[in-house]
C-alpha cells in the first residue's frame, strides 16, 4: 500500500492544514522582706566560705497569707502554627502531552544541504535510504564536518516499482571531493503542510493514507514531491521508535 499511496502523493495531491507550642511560665514571687530596726546601724557580716542558706519562709498565719507561695502565671496565648510549606504549596499538575501536528501549515526555509541522489525499489526502500544516509554521514565524518540539521529524504518521482529520491543533510560548510552521486544544493522551500509519523518506516501506510484523505477533503493542490525529515537519528534509533515529520509542499 505504501508504494501506491506515495505514488498518488507525488502524482496528484490536494492539501489543507504549584510550632510554636504554648509556653507556660511560672512567675517567682519576691522573697519575704523584714523591716530593719529604725535606730540600729547595720553591720557588714564577715565573709564566709560558704554561701548562707536561703532563710525558710515564714509560716503563714490566718491574717497573713504565705507570701512565698508561687503563683502560676496565666498561660500565654499560643501562636498560630505555621503549616509546613508542602501543605500549602499546591502540587504541580502532571505535564500533558500535546497532540502531534496534523496538516499544520508551515513555511519551509531553504537550507544548504549535501545531497545524495539515488533510486530504490519499494521492497528495499528503507535499506536503500539508510545506505544513502550512511554514505553522506561517512563523508562528513571523514572531513570533520558536523551536520547542521536533521537528515531528510525528498521523493522526486515514484511509480509502482520504485522511486527516485534525494537524501539531504544540512551543512554549514561545503565538503570537498564529492563523488558523482553527491552534490551541494538547497532543500525545498515555501508553504507546506506538516504531518508526524511515529513508528517504523514499513508502517507509514496509515500515515500516508490519512494524509491523502486530508488533502482530498481540503481540495487543495500539492507539488509533485514530498519530504520526510527524520527528527530521530535513523542510523541509531530502533526502527519502531522513529519519529518522522512529513511535509507536503503546496502549489
C-alpha atoms as a PDB file:
ATOM      1  CA  UNK A   1       0.000   0.000   0.000  1.00  0.00           C
ATOM      2  CA  UNK A   2       2.819   2.387   0.851  1.00  0.00           C
ATOM      3  CA  UNK A   3       4.027   2.394  -2.724  1.00  0.00           C
ATOM      4  CA  UNK A   4       0.606   3.236  -4.133  1.00  0.00           C
ATOM      5  CA  UNK A   5      -0.008   5.993  -1.594  1.00  0.00           C
ATOM      6  CA  UNK A   6       3.320   7.682  -2.234  1.00  0.00           C
ATOM      7  CA  UNK A   7       2.823   7.294  -5.932  1.00  0.00           C
ATOM      8  CA  UNK A   8      -0.520   9.063  -5.600  1.00  0.00           C
ATOM      9  CA  UNK A   9       1.041  11.762  -3.388  1.00  0.00           C
ATOM     10  CA  UNK A  10       3.664  12.656  -5.955  1.00  0.00           C
ATOM     11  CA  UNK A  11       1.440  12.339  -8.961  1.00  0.00           C
ATOM     12  CA  UNK A  12      -1.554  14.358  -7.710  1.00  0.00           C
ATOM     13  CA  UNK A  13      -2.279  15.543  -4.175  1.00  0.00           C
ATOM     14  CA  UNK A  14      -4.676  18.272  -2.775  1.00  0.00           C
ATOM     15  CA  UNK A  15      -3.665  19.790   0.706  1.00  0.00           C
ATOM     16  CA  UNK A  16      -5.021  21.706   3.818  1.00  0.00           C
ATOM     17  CA  UNK A  17      -3.954  22.281   7.398  1.00  0.00           C
ATOM     18  CA  UNK A  18       2.213  24.639  42.014  1.00  0.00           C
ATOM     19  CA  UNK A  19       5.261  25.316  66.287  1.00  0.00           C
ATOM     20  CA  UNK A  20       5.447  27.223  68.285  1.00  0.00           C
ATOM     21  CA  UNK A  21       3.712  25.348  71.186  1.00  0.00           C
ATOM     22  CA  UNK A  22       2.111  27.313  74.040  1.00  0.00           C
ATOM     23  CA  UNK A  23       4.614  28.138  76.804  1.00  0.00           C
ATOM     24  CA  UNK A  24       3.650  28.136  80.496  1.00  0.00           C
ATOM     25  CA  UNK A  25       5.814  30.419  82.659  1.00  0.00           C
ATOM     26  CA  UNK A  26       5.972  30.154  86.442  1.00  0.00           C
ATOM     27  CA  UNK A  27       6.394  33.606  87.990  1.00  0.00           C
ATOM     28  CA  UNK A  28       8.651  33.536  91.086  1.00  0.00           C
ATOM     29  CA  UNK A  29       7.233  35.565  93.941  1.00  0.00           C
ATOM     30  CA  UNK A  30       9.634  38.026  95.521  1.00  0.00           C
ATOM     31  CA  UNK A  31      11.231  36.797  98.778  1.00  0.00           C
ATOM     32  CA  UNK A  32       9.673  37.950 102.048  1.00  0.00           C
ATOM     33  CA  UNK A  33      11.261  41.169 103.416  1.00  0.00           C
ATOM     34  CA  UNK A  34      11.976  42.079 107.058  1.00  0.00           C
ATOM     35  CA  UNK A  35      11.721  45.696 108.284  1.00  0.00           C
ATOM     36  CA  UNK A  36      15.076  46.659 109.948  1.00  0.00           C
ATOM     37  CA  UNK A  37      15.167  48.428 113.390  1.00  0.00           C
ATOM     38  CA  UNK A  38      14.982  52.181 112.996  1.00  0.00           C
ATOM     39  CA  UNK A  39      17.937  53.050 115.345  1.00  0.00           C
ATOM     40  CA  UNK A  40      20.363  50.229 114.638  1.00  0.00           C
ATOM     41  CA  UNK A  41      23.208  50.557 112.216  1.00  0.00           C
ATOM     42  CA  UNK A  42      23.641  47.538 110.007  1.00  0.00           C
ATOM     43  CA  UNK A  43      26.971  45.831 110.279  1.00  0.00           C
ATOM     44  CA  UNK A  44      28.714  44.056 107.474  1.00  0.00           C
ATOM     45  CA  UNK A  45      28.849  40.338 108.184  1.00  0.00           C
ATOM     46  CA  UNK A  46      32.230  38.646 107.972  1.00  0.00           C
ATOM     47  CA  UNK A  47      32.824  36.914 104.744  1.00  0.00           C
ATOM     48  CA  UNK A  48      32.155  33.239 104.735  1.00  0.00           C
ATOM     49  CA  UNK A  49      33.466  30.480 102.532  1.00  0.00           C
ATOM     50  CA  UNK A  50      30.020  29.016 102.325  1.00  0.00           C
ATOM     51  CA  UNK A  51      27.001  30.604 100.825  1.00  0.00           C
ATOM     52  CA  UNK A  52      24.337  31.204 103.511  1.00  0.00           C
ATOM     53  CA  UNK A  53      21.302  29.104 103.115  1.00  0.00           C
ATOM     54  CA  UNK A  54      18.206  30.826 101.980  1.00  0.00           C
ATOM     55  CA  UNK A  55      16.048  31.533 105.065  1.00  0.00           C
ATOM     56  CA  UNK A  56      12.956  29.447 105.299  1.00  0.00           C
ATOM     57  CA  UNK A  57       9.783  31.343 104.558  1.00  0.00           C
ATOM     58  CA  UNK A  58       7.719  32.486 107.488  1.00  0.00           C
ATOM     59  CA  UNK A  59       4.848  30.233 108.436  1.00  0.00           C
ATOM     60  CA  UNK A  60       1.552  31.567 107.232  1.00  0.00           C
ATOM     61  CA  UNK A  61      -0.916  32.972 109.742  1.00  0.00           C
ATOM     62  CA  UNK A  62      -4.651  33.255 109.340  1.00  0.00           C
ATOM     63  CA  UNK A  63      -4.465  37.025 108.765  1.00  0.00           C
ATOM     64  CA  UNK A  64      -1.252  36.935 106.736  1.00  0.00           C
ATOM     65  CA  UNK A  65      -1.179  34.550 103.835  1.00  0.00           C
ATOM     66  CA  UNK A  66       2.020  32.870 102.709  1.00  0.00           C
ATOM     67  CA  UNK A  67       3.856  35.415 100.552  1.00  0.00           C
ATOM     68  CA  UNK A  68       6.322  32.893  99.171  1.00  0.00           C
ATOM     69  CA  UNK A  69       3.855  30.531  97.602  1.00  0.00           C
ATOM     70  CA  UNK A  70       4.481  30.560  93.925  1.00  0.00           C
ATOM     71  CA  UNK A  71       1.772  31.802  91.716  1.00  0.00           C
ATOM     72  CA  UNK A  72       1.149  30.421  88.299  1.00  0.00           C
ATOM     73  CA  UNK A  73       1.030  32.929  85.535  1.00  0.00           C
ATOM     74  CA  UNK A  74      -1.789  32.752  83.070  1.00  0.00           C
ATOM     75  CA  UNK A  75      -0.816  30.657  80.076  1.00  0.00           C
ATOM     76  CA  UNK A  76       0.426  32.654  77.163  1.00  0.00           C
ATOM     77  CA  UNK A  77      -1.791  32.808  74.123  1.00  0.00           C
ATOM     78  CA  UNK A  78      -0.467  30.183  71.707  1.00  0.00           C
ATOM     79  CA  UNK A  79       0.905  31.492  68.452  1.00  0.00           C
ATOM     80  CA  UNK A  80      -0.790  30.137  65.354  1.00  0.00           C
ATOM     81  CA  UNK A  81       1.037  27.163  63.964  1.00  0.00           C
ATOM     82  CA  UNK A  82       2.562  27.696  60.528  1.00  0.00           C
ATOM     83  CA  UNK A  83       1.753  24.742  58.324  1.00  0.00           C
ATOM     84  CA  UNK A  84       4.648  23.151  56.501  1.00  0.00           C
ATOM     85  CA  UNK A  85       5.391  24.511  53.054  1.00  0.00           C
ATOM     86  CA  UNK A  86       4.453  21.275  51.395  1.00  0.00           C
ATOM     87  CA  UNK A  87       0.939  21.504  52.862  1.00  0.00           C
ATOM     88  CA  UNK A  88       0.304  24.990  51.440  1.00  0.00           C
ATOM     89  CA  UNK A  89       2.008  24.724  48.071  1.00  0.00           C
ATOM     90  CA  UNK A  90      -0.326  23.066  45.550  1.00  0.00           C
ATOM     91  CA  UNK A  91       1.151  20.139  43.698  1.00  0.00           C
ATOM     92  CA  UNK A  92       2.130  20.867  40.102  1.00  0.00           C
ATOM     93  CA  UNK A  93      -0.243  19.231  37.639  1.00  0.00           C
ATOM     94  CA  UNK A  94       1.300  16.490  35.528  1.00  0.00           C
ATOM     95  CA  UNK A  95       2.603  17.588  32.160  1.00  0.00           C
ATOM     96  CA  UNK A  96       0.245  16.852  29.315  1.00  0.00           C
ATOM     97  CA  UNK A  97       1.483  15.631  26.000  1.00  0.00           C
ATOM     98  CA  UNK A  98       0.234  17.744  23.138  1.00  0.00           C
ATOM     99  CA  UNK A  99      -1.030  16.062  20.023  1.00  0.00           C
ATOM    100  CA  UNK A 100       1.269  15.820  17.045  1.00  0.00           C
ATOM    101  CA  UNK A 101       0.604  18.324  14.255  1.00  0.00           C
ATOM    102  CA  UNK A 102      -1.667  17.001  11.529  1.00  0.00           C
ATOM    103  CA  UNK A 103      -1.957  19.175   8.491  1.00  0.00           C
ATOM    104  CA  UNK A 104      -0.328  22.155  10.215  1.00  0.00           C
ATOM    105  CA  UNK A 105       0.520  24.942   7.774  1.00  0.00           C
ATOM    106  CA  UNK A 106       4.212  25.827   7.831  1.00  0.00           C
ATOM    107  CA  UNK A 107       6.695  27.703   5.694  1.00  0.00           C
ATOM    108  CA  UNK A 108       9.863  25.800   4.847  1.00  0.00           C
ATOM    109  CA  UNK A 109      13.084  27.832   4.759  1.00  0.00           C
ATOM    110  CA  UNK A 110      15.752  26.715   2.300  1.00  0.00           C
ATOM    111  CA  UNK A 111      18.890  25.185   3.806  1.00  0.00           C
ATOM    112  CA  UNK A 112      22.282  24.442   2.315  1.00  0.00           C
ATOM    113  CA  UNK A 113      22.422  20.659   2.064  1.00  0.00           C
ATOM    114  CA  UNK A 114      24.694  17.857   0.905  1.00  0.00           C
ATOM    115  CA  UNK A 115      22.616  15.762  -1.474  1.00  0.00           C
ATOM    116  CA  UNK A 116      22.882  12.062  -2.275  1.00  0.00           C
ATOM    117  CA  UNK A 117      20.800  11.192  -5.324  1.00  0.00           C
ATOM    118  CA  UNK A 118      19.623   7.604  -5.653  1.00  0.00           C
ATOM    119  CA  UNK A 119      16.787   5.301  -6.581  1.00  0.00           C
ATOM    120  CA  UNK A 120      15.269   2.243  -4.923  1.00  0.00           C
ATOM    121  CA  UNK A 121      12.548  -0.359  -5.256  1.00  0.00           C
ATOM    122  CA  UNK A 122       9.725  -0.432  -2.750  1.00  0.00           C
ATOM    123  CA  UNK A 123      10.804  -3.840  -1.454  1.00  0.00           C
ATOM    124  CA  UNK A 124      14.211  -2.454  -0.387  1.00  0.00           C
ATOM    125  CA  UNK A 125      13.149   1.132   0.298  1.00  0.00           C
ATOM    126  CA  UNK A 126      14.254   1.515   3.920  1.00  0.00           C
ATOM    127  CA  UNK A 127      17.579  -0.270   3.385  1.00  0.00           C
ATOM    128  CA  UNK A 128      18.354   1.952   0.393  1.00  0.00           C
ATOM    129  CA  UNK A 129      17.569   5.136   2.299  1.00  0.00           C
ATOM    130  CA  UNK A 130      19.739   4.053   5.226  1.00  0.00           C
ATOM    131  CA  UNK A 131      22.609   3.249   2.865  1.00  0.00           C
ATOM    132  CA  UNK A 132      22.329   6.763   1.463  1.00  0.00           C
ATOM    133  CA  UNK A 133      22.416   8.315   4.932  1.00  0.00           C
ATOM    134  CA  UNK A 134      25.456   6.180   5.823  1.00  0.00           C
ATOM    135  CA  UNK A 135      27.299   7.379   2.740  1.00  0.00           C
ATOM    136  CA  UNK A 136      26.593  11.051   3.470  1.00  0.00           C
ATOM    137  CA  UNK A 137      27.413  10.724   7.195  1.00  0.00           C
ATOM    138  CA  UNK A 138      30.634   8.876   6.400  1.00  0.00           C
ATOM    139  CA  UNK A 139      31.824  11.593   4.013  1.00  0.00           C
ATOM    140  CA  UNK A 140      31.071  14.364   6.501  1.00  0.00           C
ATOM    141  CA  UNK A 141      32.791  12.474   9.353  1.00  0.00           C
ATOM    142  CA  UNK A 142      35.969  11.991   7.305  1.00  0.00           C
ATOM    143  CA  UNK A 143      36.160  15.728   6.633  1.00  0.00           C
ATOM    144  CA  UNK A 144      35.293  16.705  10.227  1.00  0.00           C
ATOM    145  CA  UNK A 145      32.023  18.394   9.252  1.00  0.00           C
ATOM    146  CA  UNK A 146      29.105  18.283  11.710  1.00  0.00           C
ATOM    147  CA  UNK A 147      25.572  18.194  10.255  1.00  0.00           C
ATOM    148  CA  UNK A 148      23.662  21.443  10.805  1.00  0.00           C
ATOM    149  CA  UNK A 149      20.193  19.877  10.992  1.00  0.00           C
ATOM    150  CA  UNK A 150      18.072  16.749  10.666  1.00  0.00           C
ATOM    151  CA  UNK A 151      18.555  14.434   7.671  1.00  0.00           C
ATOM    152  CA  UNK A 152      15.797  14.426   5.065  1.00  0.00           C
ATOM    153  CA  UNK A 153      14.523  12.324   2.202  1.00  0.00           C
ATOM    154  CA  UNK A 154      12.957  14.159  -0.733  1.00  0.00           C
ATOM    155  CA  UNK A 155      10.929  11.950  -3.077  1.00  0.00           C
ATOM    156  CA  UNK A 156      11.161  13.442  -6.558  1.00  0.00           C
ATOM    157  CA  UNK A 157       9.297  10.750  -8.506  1.00  0.00           C
ATOM    158  CA  UNK A 158       7.605   7.399  -7.878  1.00  0.00           C
ATOM    159  CA  UNK A 159       5.942   4.589  -9.751  1.00  0.00           C
ATOM    160  CA  UNK A 160       4.643   1.108  -8.972  1.00  0.00           C
ATOM    161  CA  UNK A 161       8.131  -0.396  -8.965  1.00  0.00           C
ATOM    162  CA  UNK A 162      10.156   2.163  -7.006  1.00  0.00           C
ATOM    163  CA  UNK A 163      11.155   5.784  -6.643  1.00  0.00           C
ATOM    164  CA  UNK A 164      13.874   8.374  -7.167  1.00  0.00           C
ATOM    165  CA  UNK A 165      14.986  10.251  -4.056  1.00  0.00           C
ATOM    166  CA  UNK A 166      17.453  12.727  -2.631  1.00  0.00           C
ATOM    167  CA  UNK A 167      18.967  12.090   0.820  1.00  0.00           C
ATOM    168  CA  UNK A 168      19.747  15.589   2.114  1.00  0.00           C
ATOM    169  CA  UNK A 169      21.794  16.618   5.183  1.00  0.00           C
ATOM    170  CA  UNK A 170      22.090  20.329   6.150  1.00  0.00           C
ATOM    171  CA  UNK A 171      25.684  21.614   6.484  1.00  0.00           C
ATOM    172  CA  UNK A 172      27.387  24.909   7.368  1.00  0.00           C
ATOM    173  CA  UNK A 173      30.410  24.293   5.128  1.00  0.00           C
ATOM    174  CA  UNK A 174      30.853  22.655   1.807  1.00  0.00           C
ATOM    175  CA  UNK A 175      32.687  19.310   1.808  1.00  0.00           C
ATOM    176  CA  UNK A 176      35.373  18.622  -0.789  1.00  0.00           C
ATOM    177  CA  UNK A 177      35.958  15.851  -3.302  1.00  0.00           C
ATOM    178  CA  UNK A 178      32.322  14.834  -3.719  1.00  0.00           C
ATOM    179  CA  UNK A 179      31.602  11.554  -5.537  1.00  0.00           C
ATOM    180  CA  UNK A 180      29.436  11.548  -8.656  1.00  0.00           C
ATOM    181  CA  UNK A 181      26.193  10.769  -6.846  1.00  0.00           C
ATOM    182  CA  UNK A 182      26.611  13.647  -4.355  1.00  0.00           C
ATOM    183  CA  UNK A 183      26.260  17.379  -4.820  1.00  0.00           C
ATOM    184  CA  UNK A 184      25.566  20.603  -2.948  1.00  0.00           C
ATOM    185  CA  UNK A 185      22.201  22.294  -3.138  1.00  0.00           C
ATOM    186  CA  UNK A 186      19.208  23.802  -1.333  1.00  0.00           C
ATOM    187  CA  UNK A 187      16.400  21.997   0.469  1.00  0.00           C
ATOM    188  CA  UNK A 188      12.778  22.649  -0.641  1.00  0.00           C
ATOM    189  CA  UNK A 189      11.197  25.906   0.477  1.00  0.00           C
ATOM    190  CA  UNK A 190       7.787  27.529   0.644  1.00  0.00           C
ATOM    191  CA  UNK A 191       4.361  26.727   2.063  1.00  0.00           C
ATOM    192  CA  UNK A 192       3.706  23.138   3.136  1.00  0.00           C
ATOM    193  CA  UNK A 193       1.535  21.010   5.383  1.00  0.00           C
ATOM    194  CA  UNK A 194       3.221  19.202   8.288  1.00  0.00           C
ATOM    195  CA  UNK A 195       2.283  15.717   9.481  1.00  0.00           C
ATOM    196  CA  UNK A 196       4.045  13.475  12.062  1.00  0.00           C
ATOM    197  CA  UNK A 197       4.682   9.740  11.840  1.00  0.00           C
ATOM    198  CA  UNK A 198       5.815   7.653  14.840  1.00  0.00           C
ATOM    199  CA  UNK A 199       6.986   4.075  14.375  1.00  0.00           C
ATOM    200  CA  UNK A 200       8.641   2.000  11.711  1.00  0.00           C
ATOM    201  CA  UNK A 201       9.099   3.002   8.102  1.00  0.00           C
ATOM    202  CA  UNK A 202       7.106  -0.013   6.940  1.00  0.00           C
ATOM    203  CA  UNK A 203       4.099   1.174   8.983  1.00  0.00           C
ATOM    204  CA  UNK A 204       3.875   4.551   7.249  1.00  0.00           C
ATOM    205  CA  UNK A 205       0.971   3.251   5.127  1.00  0.00           C
ATOM    206  CA  UNK A 206      -1.600   4.562   7.631  1.00  0.00           C
ATOM    207  CA  UNK A 207       0.106   7.953   7.853  1.00  0.00           C
ATOM    208  CA  UNK A 208       0.152   8.434   4.089  1.00  0.00           C
ATOM    209  CA  UNK A 209      -3.420   7.225   3.743  1.00  0.00           C
ATOM    210  CA  UNK A 210      -4.512   9.815   6.353  1.00  0.00           C
ATOM    211  CA  UNK A 211      -2.519  12.485   4.515  1.00  0.00           C
ATOM    212  CA  UNK A 212      -4.152  11.608   1.194  1.00  0.00           C
ATOM    213  CA  UNK A 213      -7.636  11.766   2.757  1.00  0.00           C
ATOM    214  CA  UNK A 214      -6.814  15.104   4.389  1.00  0.00           C
ATOM    215  CA  UNK A 215      -5.692  16.548   1.063  1.00  0.00           C
ATOM    216  CA  UNK A 216      -8.809  15.309  -0.676  1.00  0.00           C
ATOM    217  CA  UNK A 217     -11.079  16.824   1.988  1.00  0.00           C
ATOM    218  CA  UNK A 218      -9.396  20.228   1.731  1.00  0.00           C
ATOM    219  CA  UNK A 219      -9.403  20.164  -2.057  1.00  0.00           C
ATOM    220  CA  UNK A 220      -6.011  21.846  -2.347  1.00  0.00           C
ATOM    221  CA  UNK A 221      -3.196  21.032  -4.720  1.00  0.00           C
ATOM    222  CA  UNK A 222       0.259  19.852  -3.722  1.00  0.00           C
ATOM    223  CA  UNK A 223       3.539  19.940  -5.580  1.00  0.00           C
ATOM    224  CA  UNK A 224       4.857  16.783  -7.181  1.00  0.00           C
ATOM    225  CA  UNK A 225       7.159  15.880  -4.288  1.00  0.00           C
ATOM    226  CA  UNK A 226       7.068  15.316  -0.564  1.00  0.00           C
ATOM    227  CA  UNK A 227       9.660  15.384   2.214  1.00  0.00           C
ATOM    228  CA  UNK A 228      10.444  13.181   5.195  1.00  0.00           C
ATOM    229  CA  UNK A 229      12.501  14.800   7.971  1.00  0.00           C
ATOM    230  CA  UNK A 230      13.986  12.293  10.457  1.00  0.00           C
ATOM    231  CA  UNK A 231      13.887  14.003  13.879  1.00  0.00           C
ATOM    232  CA  UNK A 232      15.354  10.857  15.462  1.00  0.00           C
ATOM    233  CA  UNK A 233      18.710   9.619  14.135  1.00  0.00           C
ATOM    234  CA  UNK A 234      17.685   6.910  11.645  1.00  0.00           C
ATOM    235  CA  UNK A 235      21.100   5.201  11.913  1.00  0.00           C
ATOM    236  CA  UNK A 236      20.988   4.876  15.733  1.00  0.00           C
ATOM    237  CA  UNK A 237      17.283   4.675  16.592  1.00  0.00           C
ATOM    238  CA  UNK A 238      15.346   1.398  16.622  1.00  0.00           C
ATOM    239  CA  UNK A 239      13.132   1.350  13.571  1.00  0.00           C
ATOM    240  CA  UNK A 240       9.924   1.116  15.608  1.00  0.00           C
ATOM    241  CA  UNK A 241      10.967   4.241  17.575  1.00  0.00           C
ATOM    242  CA  UNK A 242      11.407   6.536  14.587  1.00  0.00           C
ATOM    243  CA  UNK A 243       9.809   9.997  14.573  1.00  0.00           C
ATOM    244  CA  UNK A 244       9.428  11.448  11.085  1.00  0.00           C
ATOM    245  CA  UNK A 245       7.964  14.801  10.037  1.00  0.00           C
ATOM    246  CA  UNK A 246       6.266  14.542   6.662  1.00  0.00           C
ATOM    247  CA  UNK A 247       5.998  17.793   4.680  1.00  0.00           C
ATOM    248  CA  UNK A 248       3.740  18.191   1.661  1.00  0.00           C
ATOM    249  CA  UNK A 249       4.625  21.375  -0.252  1.00  0.00           C
ATOM    250  CA  UNK A 250       1.665  23.293  -1.659  1.00  0.00           C
ATOM    251  CA  UNK A 251       1.331  24.808  -5.085  1.00  0.00           C
END
